[in-house]
């Protein structure tokens, strides 16, 4: 009976969502965004290991767009600036398809490619619906408040559940928090993708943001939640982000707001110190995991010496495990350097720690092993122009400074983190990439509009 009720509720919810999209695609898009953070079922219709609730809603969103097209109602607008990155991305998809010629299990490769196609449809949806600066800022606002919600749920799990409060989501890990996500690394990945927007809004916004104290809570709570995930790559990424944000305050912050930014940093630091002092008493098992997994690496990063970071692995066994992954990935590349051993198929043929089924613990090493030189070059041809555009958005000063800084810091640091973790399955990361292209298209359109206005005047 309960199962049937859940199915009925899901069907009614999907129908309501599709009708909403048909009436107002942008409203439907904003409603869909918070589902990014649900990557485990909790009795929701999540399909398989790779396809999430968000992907299901995304397909329904496109169904609503198709219905609008049949009604001759325009829903999306694409700038000509999107053609080059789209061409590069589908070149990457072609490289993934080519890699299947060497795949032992083509079905696993097809599942991986389906995820990348869904990500492409999400990118096109974002660029096509974000047709004004106001819409982009609305998307960023929803993403920011989603971040605050995830932080509150995560802190509930990490701080309140251990002392007897009810469980909101089933606990999936005894020593690391997961929040609404399937595993701690997914939670950490989401936090470091979105956190730059919260910090930049607090420190670089031209006006005092609404709900200022809630954003402070999100910034401090996000830091604490990140610590409780004990996700080494995400914590290191956050440290790099903060080191980039501080000079950005001096370079791009307005002088009249500089003291406000300094006060925000000092208040946040004071609250964080108080929380950290009491943290070990509140959640000893989470805190001990952080000390074991992450603290040595952070201390080593402070020396700015790569060899110290390598030596800071918690155990020699783990260091050997990581070293073995990279060496085996290199061997896979040498076995098939042009098109790789097949997307999603590394673990089918190559053993890590004597066992099959492992992925390479690096996005770029994994791409090189599974898709070869062709796949890595196609991916690079897409990602480098995106990174360039994010840098130029900051230089033009045509969009809010805090958003431009947040976009650049988020995309650059997470790409850097891709050397150690898989980043391309993070839906929120692709949202950031898409917002960069959406903003770029608006700026180019505004420039050409200005040029066209000048032409009659100059010809006269």
Protein backbone atom coordinates (compact mmCIF):
# COMPACT_ATOMS: atom_id res chain seq x y z
CA UNK A 1 0.00 0.00 0.00
CA UNK A 2 2.77 2.43 0.93
CA UNK A 3 4.70 1.53 -2.23
CA UNK A 4 1.62 2.09 -4.41
CA UNK A 5 1.02 5.45 -2.73
CA UNK A 6 4.60 6.50 -3.44
CA UNK A 7 4.26 5.49 -7.09
CA UNK A 8 1.02 7.47 -7.39
CA UNK A 9 2.63 10.48 -5.73
CA UNK A 10 5.59 10.26 -8.11
CA UNK A 11 3.30 10.08 -11.16
CA UNK A 12 1.23 13.06 -9.98
CA UNK A 13 4.41 15.01 -9.23
CA UNK A 14 5.88 14.28 -12.67
CA UNK A 15 2.61 15.30 -14.36
CA UNK A 16 2.46 18.56 -12.37
CA UNK A 17 6.08 19.30 -13.20
CA UNK A 18 5.56 18.69 -16.94
CA UNK A 19 2.47 20.95 -17.00
CA UNK A 20 4.47 23.65 -15.19
CA UNK A 21 7.22 23.43 -17.81
CA UNK A 22 4.69 23.75 -20.64
CA UNK A 23 3.28 26.90 -19.03
CA UNK A 24 6.61 28.45 -17.96
CA UNK A 25 9.86 26.64 -18.91
CA UNK A 26 12.04 28.92 -16.81
CA UNK A 27 9.95 28.34 -13.69
CA UNK A 28 10.14 24.60 -14.34
CA UNK A 29 13.91 24.87 -14.71
CA UNK A 30 14.23 26.60 -11.33
CA UNK A 31 11.99 23.97 -9.71
CA UNK A 32 14.17 21.22 -11.17
CA UNK A 33 17.52 22.60 -9.96
CA UNK A 34 17.35 21.60 -6.26
CA UNK A 35 16.96 17.94 -7.26
CA UNK A 36 20.65 18.10 -8.23
CA UNK A 37 21.49 17.27 -4.62
CA UNK A 38 19.45 14.04 -4.43
CA UNK A 39 21.69 11.24 -5.67
CA UNK A 40 20.22 8.41 -3.60
CA UNK A 41 16.72 7.01 -3.77
CA UNK A 42 15.08 7.34 -0.31
CA UNK A 43 12.06 5.76 -2.08
CA UNK A 44 12.25 8.26 -4.95
CA UNK A 45 12.31 7.16 -8.62
CA UNK A 46 16.08 7.02 -9.16
CA UNK A 47 17.09 4.82 -12.06
CA UNK A 48 20.34 2.88 -11.86
CA UNK A 49 23.75 3.91 -10.57
CA UNK A 50 24.38 6.79 -12.94
CA UNK A 51 20.91 8.19 -13.79
CA UNK A 52 19.49 10.30 -10.93
CA UNK A 53 16.21 11.94 -10.01
CA UNK A 54 17.48 15.14 -11.59
CA UNK A 55 18.04 13.35 -14.90
CA UNK A 56 14.45 12.07 -14.80
CA UNK A 57 13.12 15.60 -14.29
CA UNK A 58 15.43 16.87 -17.02
CA UNK A 59 13.88 14.45 -19.52
CA UNK A 60 10.41 15.60 -18.46
CA UNK A 61 11.56 19.21 -18.86
CA UNK A 62 12.59 18.53 -22.44
CA UNK A 63 9.25 16.78 -23.01
CA UNK A 64 7.54 20.00 -21.97
CA UNK A 65 9.75 21.95 -24.39
CA UNK A 66 8.81 19.61 -27.24
CA UNK A 67 5.10 20.12 -26.46
CA UNK A 68 5.63 23.89 -26.58
CA UNK A 69 7.39 23.54 -29.95
CA UNK A 70 4.42 21.62 -31.31
CA UNK A 71 2.25 24.52 -30.13
CA UNK A 72 4.56 26.96 -32.00
CA UNK A 73 5.63 28.59 -28.74
CA UNK A 74 9.26 29.66 -28.54
CA UNK A 75 11.02 28.47 -25.39
CA UNK A 76 14.78 28.62 -25.92
CA UNK A 77 17.23 30.97 -27.56
CA UNK A 78 20.81 30.08 -28.50
CA UNK A 79 23.56 32.53 -29.32
CA UNK A 80 25.90 31.75 -32.20
CA UNK A 81 28.73 31.66 -29.64
CA UNK A 82 27.48 28.29 -28.40
CA UNK A 83 28.13 26.50 -31.70
CA UNK A 84 31.90 26.09 -31.20
CA UNK A 85 31.70 24.53 -27.70
CA UNK A 86 28.77 22.33 -28.78
CA UNK A 87 30.79 21.10 -31.76
CA UNK A 88 33.79 20.40 -29.49
CA UNK A 89 31.64 18.58 -26.94
CA UNK A 90 30.01 16.32 -29.49
CA UNK A 91 33.47 15.62 -30.84
CA UNK A 92 34.18 14.35 -27.34
CA UNK A 93 31.03 12.19 -27.50
CA UNK A 94 32.27 10.80 -30.83
CA UNK A 95 35.59 9.93 -29.17
CA UNK A 96 33.68 8.09 -26.43
CA UNK A 97 31.78 6.11 -29.06
CA UNK A 98 35.03 5.30 -30.86
CA UNK A 99 36.49 3.94 -27.63
CA UNK A 100 33.74 1.28 -27.55
CA UNK A 101 35.57 -0.60 -30.34
CA UNK A 102 38.00 -1.79 -27.66
CA UNK A 103 35.41 -2.24 -24.89
CA UNK A 104 34.96 -5.64 -23.29
CA UNK A 105 31.56 -4.56 -21.94
CA UNK A 106 29.96 -2.15 -24.43
CA UNK A 107 26.83 -1.92 -22.26
CA UNK A 108 28.79 -0.24 -19.46
CA UNK A 109 30.26 2.17 -21.97
CA UNK A 110 26.80 2.98 -23.31
CA UNK A 111 25.61 3.78 -19.78
CA UNK A 112 28.53 6.18 -19.34
CA UNK A 113 27.86 7.81 -22.71
CA UNK A 114 24.17 8.21 -21.84
CA UNK A 115 25.22 10.21 -18.78
CA UNK A 116 27.37 12.50 -20.91
CA UNK A 117 24.48 12.96 -23.35
CA UNK A 118 22.19 13.89 -20.46
CA UNK A 119 24.82 16.36 -19.29
CA UNK A 120 24.93 17.82 -22.80
CA UNK A 121 21.14 18.23 -22.77
CA UNK A 122 21.40 19.93 -19.37
CA UNK A 123 24.01 22.32 -20.73
CA UNK A 124 21.86 23.16 -23.74
CA UNK A 125 18.83 23.65 -21.48
CA UNK A 126 20.78 26.05 -19.26
CA UNK A 127 22.24 28.09 -22.11
CA UNK A 128 18.93 28.17 -23.98
CA UNK A 129 16.81 29.22 -20.99
CA UNK A 130 19.30 31.71 -19.47
CA UNK A 131 18.44 34.43 -21.97
CA UNK A 132 19.06 37.44 -19.72
CA UNK A 133 21.32 38.51 -16.87
CA UNK A 134 18.31 38.54 -14.57
CA UNK A 135 17.56 34.90 -15.35
CA UNK A 136 21.18 33.88 -14.75
CA UNK A 137 21.17 35.67 -11.40
CA UNK A 138 17.92 33.86 -10.51
CA UNK A 139 19.58 30.53 -11.31
CA UNK A 140 22.57 31.45 -9.13
CA UNK A 141 20.23 32.49 -6.33
CA UNK A 142 18.37 29.15 -6.40
CA UNK A 143 21.69 27.31 -6.46
CA UNK A 144 22.92 29.33 -3.48
CA UNK A 145 19.82 28.60 -1.40
CA UNK A 146 20.04 24.94 -2.36
CA UNK A 147 23.58 25.04 -0.98
CA UNK A 148 22.31 26.44 2.33
CA UNK A 149 19.65 23.70 2.51
CA UNK A 150 22.22 20.96 1.88
CA UNK A 151 24.48 22.44 4.56
CA UNK A 152 21.67 22.45 7.14
CA UNK A 153 20.71 18.83 6.36
CA UNK A 154 24.37 17.77 6.50
CA UNK A 155 24.98 19.49 9.84
CA UNK A 156 21.81 17.90 11.21
CA UNK A 157 23.29 14.53 10.31
CA UNK A 158 26.74 15.36 11.66
CA UNK A 159 25.91 17.32 14.82
CA UNK A 160 22.37 16.50 15.95
CA UNK A 161 21.75 12.88 14.98
CA UNK A 162 24.67 11.65 17.17
CA UNK A 163 23.02 13.20 20.24
CA UNK A 164 19.60 11.65 19.65
CA UNK A 165 17.77 13.78 17.06
CA UNK A 166 15.78 11.90 14.37
CA UNK A 167 17.44 10.84 11.13
CA UNK A 168 16.28 12.82 8.08
CA UNK A 169 18.05 10.67 5.49
CA UNK A 170 19.25 7.09 6.07
CA UNK A 171 22.85 7.19 7.34
CA UNK A 172 25.08 5.73 4.65
CA UNK A 173 28.48 6.13 6.30
CA UNK A 174 29.44 5.69 9.95
CA UNK A 175 32.44 8.04 9.99
CA UNK A 176 31.75 10.58 7.20
CA UNK A 177 28.58 12.55 6.53
CA UNK A 178 26.74 12.25 3.21
CA UNK A 179 23.77 14.63 3.51
CA UNK A 180 21.37 14.05 0.61
CA UNK A 181 24.07 12.43 -1.53
CA UNK A 182 25.01 8.82 -2.13
CA UNK A 183 28.50 9.16 -0.67
CA UNK A 184 30.65 11.74 1.17
CA UNK A 185 32.74 12.63 -1.87
CA UNK A 186 29.62 13.66 -3.81
CA UNK A 187 28.63 15.96 -0.95
CA UNK A 188 32.13 17.43 -0.80
CA UNK A 189 32.14 17.90 -4.57
CA UNK A 190 28.86 19.83 -4.50
CA UNK A 191 30.06 22.06 -1.68
CA UNK A 192 33.26 23.12 -3.45
CA UNK A 193 31.46 23.77 -6.75
CA UNK A 194 28.88 26.12 -5.20
CA UNK A 195 30.72 27.57 -2.17
CA UNK A 196 32.56 30.25 -4.23
CA UNK A 197 29.19 31.84 -5.03
CA UNK A 198 28.24 32.06 -1.36
CA UNK A 199 31.59 33.56 -0.38
CA UNK A 200 31.72 35.93 -3.36
CA UNK A 201 28.16 37.11 -2.66
CA UNK A 202 29.14 37.89 0.92
CA UNK A 203 32.47 39.56 0.15
CA UNK A 204 32.22 41.13 -3.32
CA UNK A 205 28.58 42.04 -3.85
CA UNK A 206 27.97 45.76 -4.51
CA UNK A 207 25.13 45.80 -2.01
CA UNK A 208 24.56 44.00 1.24
CA UNK A 209 22.88 40.73 0.21
CA UNK A 210 19.48 39.85 1.54
CA UNK A 211 19.34 37.30 4.33
CA UNK A 212 22.93 38.17 5.22
CA UNK A 213 23.03 36.08 8.40
CA UNK A 214 21.68 33.02 6.59
CA UNK A 215 24.50 33.29 4.07
CA UNK A 216 26.99 33.56 6.93
CA UNK A 217 25.45 30.39 8.33
CA UNK A 218 25.83 28.75 4.92
CA UNK A 219 29.47 29.82 4.61
CA UNK A 220 30.48 28.66 8.10
CA UNK A 221 28.25 25.60 8.03
CA UNK A 222 29.51 24.66 4.58
CA UNK A 223 33.07 24.69 5.89
CA UNK A 224 32.12 22.48 8.82
CA UNK A 225 30.14 20.11 6.62
CA UNK A 226 33.09 19.85 4.26
CA UNK A 227 35.36 18.92 7.16
CA UNK A 228 32.90 16.24 8.28
CA UNK A 229 32.93 14.64 4.81
CA UNK A 230 36.70 14.10 5.22
CA UNK A 231 36.92 14.34 1.43
CA UNK A 232 40.59 15.11 0.91
CA UNK A 233 40.31 16.41 -2.65
CA UNK A 234 37.34 18.64 -1.83
CA UNK A 235 38.97 20.05 1.32
CA UNK A 236 42.17 20.79 -0.61
CA UNK A 237 40.09 22.42 -3.37
CA UNK A 238 38.31 24.61 -0.80
CA UNK A 239 41.65 25.70 0.65
CA UNK A 240 42.83 26.76 -2.83
CA UNK A 241 39.54 28.56 -3.45
CA UNK A 242 39.88 30.60 -0.28
CA UNK A 243 43.47 31.50 -1.12
CA UNK A 244 42.21 32.81 -4.49
CA UNK A 245 39.26 34.65 -2.96
CA UNK A 246 41.32 36.77 -0.57
CA UNK A 247 43.38 38.53 -3.29
CA UNK A 248 40.20 38.86 -5.36
CA UNK A 249 38.74 40.99 -2.55
CA UNK A 250 41.69 43.37 -2.80
CA UNK A 251 41.74 43.43 -6.61
CA UNK A 252 38.04 43.62 -7.44
CA UNK A 253 36.28 44.68 -4.27
CA UNK A 254 35.14 48.27 -4.02
CA UNK A 255 36.96 50.37 -1.45
CA UNK A 256 33.78 51.45 0.29
CA UNK A 257 32.88 47.78 0.86
CA UNK A 258 36.38 46.63 1.81
CA UNK A 259 35.86 47.04 5.56
CA UNK A 260 32.57 45.14 5.32
CA UNK A 261 34.35 42.28 3.57
CA UNK A 262 37.06 42.25 6.24
CA UNK A 263 34.42 42.12 8.98
CA UNK A 264 32.68 39.21 7.24
CA UNK A 265 35.96 37.28 7.09
CA UNK A 266 36.75 38.02 10.75
CA UNK A 267 33.24 37.13 11.99
CA UNK A 268 33.18 33.96 9.92
CA UNK A 269 36.66 32.97 11.13
CA UNK A 270 35.68 33.59 14.77
CA UNK A 271 32.52 31.51 14.48
CA UNK A 272 34.42 28.76 12.68
CA UNK A 273 37.10 28.63 15.39
CA UNK A 274 34.45 28.36 18.12
CA UNK A 275 32.72 25.57 16.19
CA UNK A 276 35.98 23.70 15.58
CA UNK A 277 36.90 23.91 19.27
CA UNK A 278 33.65 22.20 20.22
CA UNK A 279 33.53 19.93 17.18
CA UNK A 280 35.65 17.16 18.62
CA UNK A 281 33.30 16.87 21.60
CA UNK A 282 30.15 16.85 19.47
CA UNK A 283 31.19 14.39 16.77
CA UNK A 284 34.31 12.59 17.83
CA UNK A 285 34.13 9.84 15.18
CA UNK A 286 33.69 12.30 12.29
CA UNK A 287 36.44 14.53 13.68
CA UNK A 288 38.84 11.61 14.10
CA UNK A 289 38.24 10.59 10.49
CA UNK A 290 39.10 14.12 9.35
CA UNK A 291 42.31 14.16 11.43
CA UNK A 292 43.35 10.81 9.99
CA UNK A 293 42.44 11.44 6.33
CA UNK A 294 42.84 15.14 5.66
CA UNK A 295 44.86 17.05 8.24
CA UNK A 296 48.31 15.74 7.17
CA UNK A 297 47.63 16.77 3.58
CA UNK A 298 46.53 20.28 4.52
CA UNK A 299 49.67 20.81 6.58
CA UNK A 300 51.76 19.54 3.67
CA UNK A 301 49.98 21.91 1.22
CA UNK A 302 51.00 24.85 3.41
CA UNK A 303 54.67 24.09 2.63
CA UNK A 304 53.96 24.50 -1.12
CA UNK A 305 56.12 21.45 -1.85
CA UNK A 306 54.60 18.66 -3.95
CA UNK A 307 56.75 15.92 -2.45
CA UNK A 308 55.47 16.81 1.02
CA UNK A 309 51.88 16.43 -0.19
CA UNK A 310 52.67 13.01 -1.64
CA UNK A 311 54.25 11.90 1.64
CA UNK A 312 51.22 13.12 3.60
CA UNK A 313 49.02 10.16 2.62
CA UNK A 314 47.47 8.78 5.83
CA UNK A 315 49.04 5.36 5.36
CA UNK A 316 51.73 3.84 3.20
CA UNK A 317 49.11 1.33 2.02
CA UNK A 318 46.94 4.13 0.61
CA UNK A 319 49.92 5.82 -1.02
CA UNK A 320 50.81 2.53 -2.70
CA UNK A 321 47.17 2.09 -3.75
CA UNK A 322 47.10 5.49 -5.48
CA UNK A 323 50.48 4.91 -7.08
CA UNK A 324 49.28 1.58 -8.43
CA UNK A 325 46.18 3.19 -9.93
CA UNK A 326 48.19 5.71 -11.92
CA UNK A 327 50.71 3.14 -13.10
CA UNK A 328 47.99 0.73 -14.23
CA UNK A 329 46.14 3.59 -15.97
CA UNK A 330 49.34 4.43 -17.82
CA UNK A 331 49.70 0.80 -18.86
CA UNK A 332 46.11 0.84 -20.16
CA UNK A 333 46.94 3.91 -22.21
CA UNK A 334 50.04 2.25 -23.67
CA UNK A 335 47.93 -0.78 -24.62
CA UNK A 336 45.57 1.40 -26.68
CA UNK A 337 46.97 4.95 -26.99
CA UNK A 338 44.67 6.27 -29.73
CA UNK A 339 41.11 5.43 -28.61
CA UNK A 340 41.67 3.87 -25.18
CA UNK A 341 40.33 0.65 -23.68
CA UNK A 342 36.72 1.80 -23.75
CA UNK A 343 34.80 4.34 -21.71
CA UNK A 344 33.61 2.73 -18.47
CA UNK A 345 35.69 -0.38 -19.17
CA UNK A 346 38.96 0.20 -17.35
CA UNK A 347 37.87 -1.98 -14.43
CA UNK A 348 36.85 -4.80 -16.76
CA UNK A 349 40.42 -5.64 -17.77
CA UNK A 350 42.83 -3.99 -15.37
CA UNK A 351 43.33 -4.95 -11.74
CA UNK A 352 43.90 -2.56 -8.86
CA UNK A 353 44.99 -4.12 -5.60
CA UNK A 354 44.55 -7.50 -7.27
CA UNK A 355 40.86 -6.92 -8.08
CA UNK A 356 38.81 -5.90 -11.09
CA UNK A 357 36.09 -3.24 -11.01
CA UNK A 358 38.03 -0.18 -9.88
CA UNK A 359 37.92 3.21 -11.58
CA UNK A 360 41.01 5.36 -11.91
CA UNK A 361 41.10 7.88 -9.06
CA UNK A 362 41.72 10.76 -11.49
CA UNK A 363 39.52 12.28 -14.17
CA UNK A 364 42.34 12.92 -16.60
CA UNK A 365 44.20 9.64 -16.05
CA UNK A 366 40.86 7.87 -16.43
CA UNK A 367 40.07 9.65 -19.70
CA UNK A 368 43.53 8.90 -21.04
CA UNK A 369 43.20 5.20 -20.18
CA UNK A 370 39.62 4.76 -21.38
CA UNK A 371 39.45 7.11 -24.39
CA UNK A 372 43.10 7.57 -25.35
CA UNK A 373 44.68 10.62 -26.91
CA UNK A 374 41.60 11.24 -29.06
CA UNK A 375 39.24 11.54 -26.08
CA UNK A 376 41.59 13.68 -24.01
CA UNK A 377 42.24 16.08 -26.91
CA UNK A 378 38.51 16.42 -27.64
CA UNK A 379 37.78 17.11 -23.98
CA UNK A 380 40.60 19.67 -23.85
CA UNK A 381 39.25 21.41 -26.97
CA UNK A 382 35.99 21.94 -25.09
CA UNK A 383 37.23 22.81 -21.62
CA UNK A 384 40.09 25.23 -22.42
CA UNK A 385 37.90 27.71 -24.36
CA UNK A 386 35.39 27.53 -21.50
CA UNK A 387 38.12 28.39 -19.02
CA UNK A 388 39.26 31.25 -21.28
CA UNK A 389 35.73 32.65 -21.45
CA UNK A 390 35.40 32.56 -17.66
CA UNK A 391 38.61 34.59 -17.40
CA UNK A 392 37.42 37.11 -19.99
CA UNK A 393 34.08 37.54 -18.20
CA UNK A 394 36.02 38.86 -15.22
CA UNK A 395 38.16 41.18 -17.34
CA UNK A 396 35.23 42.75 -19.19
CA UNK A 397 33.52 43.91 -15.97
CA UNK A 398 30.18 43.62 -17.79
CA UNK A 399 28.59 41.25 -15.29
CA UNK A 400 28.39 41.44 -11.48
CA UNK A 401 31.94 41.09 -10.20
CA UNK A 402 31.03 38.60 -7.52
CA UNK A 403 29.48 36.24 -10.06
CA UNK A 404 32.45 36.55 -12.44
CA UNK A 405 34.91 35.83 -9.62
CA UNK A 406 32.84 32.88 -8.39
CA UNK A 407 32.58 31.37 -11.89
CA UNK A 408 36.32 31.58 -12.47
CA UNK A 409 37.30 30.25 -9.04
CA UNK A 410 34.76 27.42 -9.15
CA UNK A 411 35.61 26.13 -12.61
CA UNK A 412 39.40 26.52 -12.35
CA UNK A 413 39.80 24.90 -8.93
CA UNK A 414 37.47 22.01 -9.71
CA UNK A 415 39.34 21.36 -12.95
CA UNK A 416 42.50 21.29 -10.86
CA UNK A 417 40.83 18.82 -8.50
CA UNK A 418 40.10 16.60 -11.50
CA UNK A 419 43.72 15.48 -11.33
CA UNK A 420 42.75 13.47 -8.25
CA UNK A 421 38.99 12.81 -8.47
CA UNK A 422 36.27 12.27 -11.06
CA UNK A 423 34.50 15.58 -11.69
CA UNK A 424 32.60 15.07 -14.94
CA UNK A 425 29.61 13.34 -13.35
CA UNK A 426 28.87 16.33 -11.14
CA UNK A 427 25.72 17.92 -12.58
CA UNK A 428 26.40 21.14 -10.65
CA UNK A 429 29.82 21.44 -12.31
CA UNK A 430 28.21 21.34 -15.75
CA UNK A 431 25.73 23.98 -14.61
CA UNK A 432 28.67 26.31 -13.87
CA UNK A 433 30.22 25.60 -17.28
CA UNK A 434 26.88 26.32 -18.96
CA UNK A 435 26.43 29.62 -17.10
CA UNK A 436 29.82 30.75 -18.41
CA UNK A 437 28.70 30.14 -22.00
CA UNK A 438 25.30 31.73 -21.34
CA UNK A 439 26.92 34.90 -20.00
CA UNK A 440 29.39 34.96 -22.88
CA UNK A 441 26.57 34.75 -25.41
CA UNK A 442 24.76 37.68 -23.76
CA UNK A 443 27.91 39.83 -23.80
CA UNK A 444 28.64 39.11 -27.46
CA UNK A 445 25.00 39.82 -28.39
CA UNK A 446 25.13 43.13 -26.50
CA UNK A 447 28.37 44.06 -28.28
CA UNK A 448 26.95 43.39 -31.73
CA UNK A 449 23.77 45.27 -30.87
CA UNK A 450 25.88 48.26 -29.90
CA UNK A 451 27.88 48.02 -33.15
CA UNK A 452 24.70 47.87 -35.24
CA UNK A 453 23.39 51.01 -33.53
CA UNK A 454 26.59 52.87 -34.38
CA UNK A 455 26.65 51.92 -38.06
CA UNK A 456 23.81 54.21 -39.27
CA UNK A 457 25.33 57.08 -37.29
CA UNK A 458 28.80 56.54 -38.75
CA UNK A 459 27.51 56.13 -42.30
CA UNK A 460 25.73 59.45 -41.97
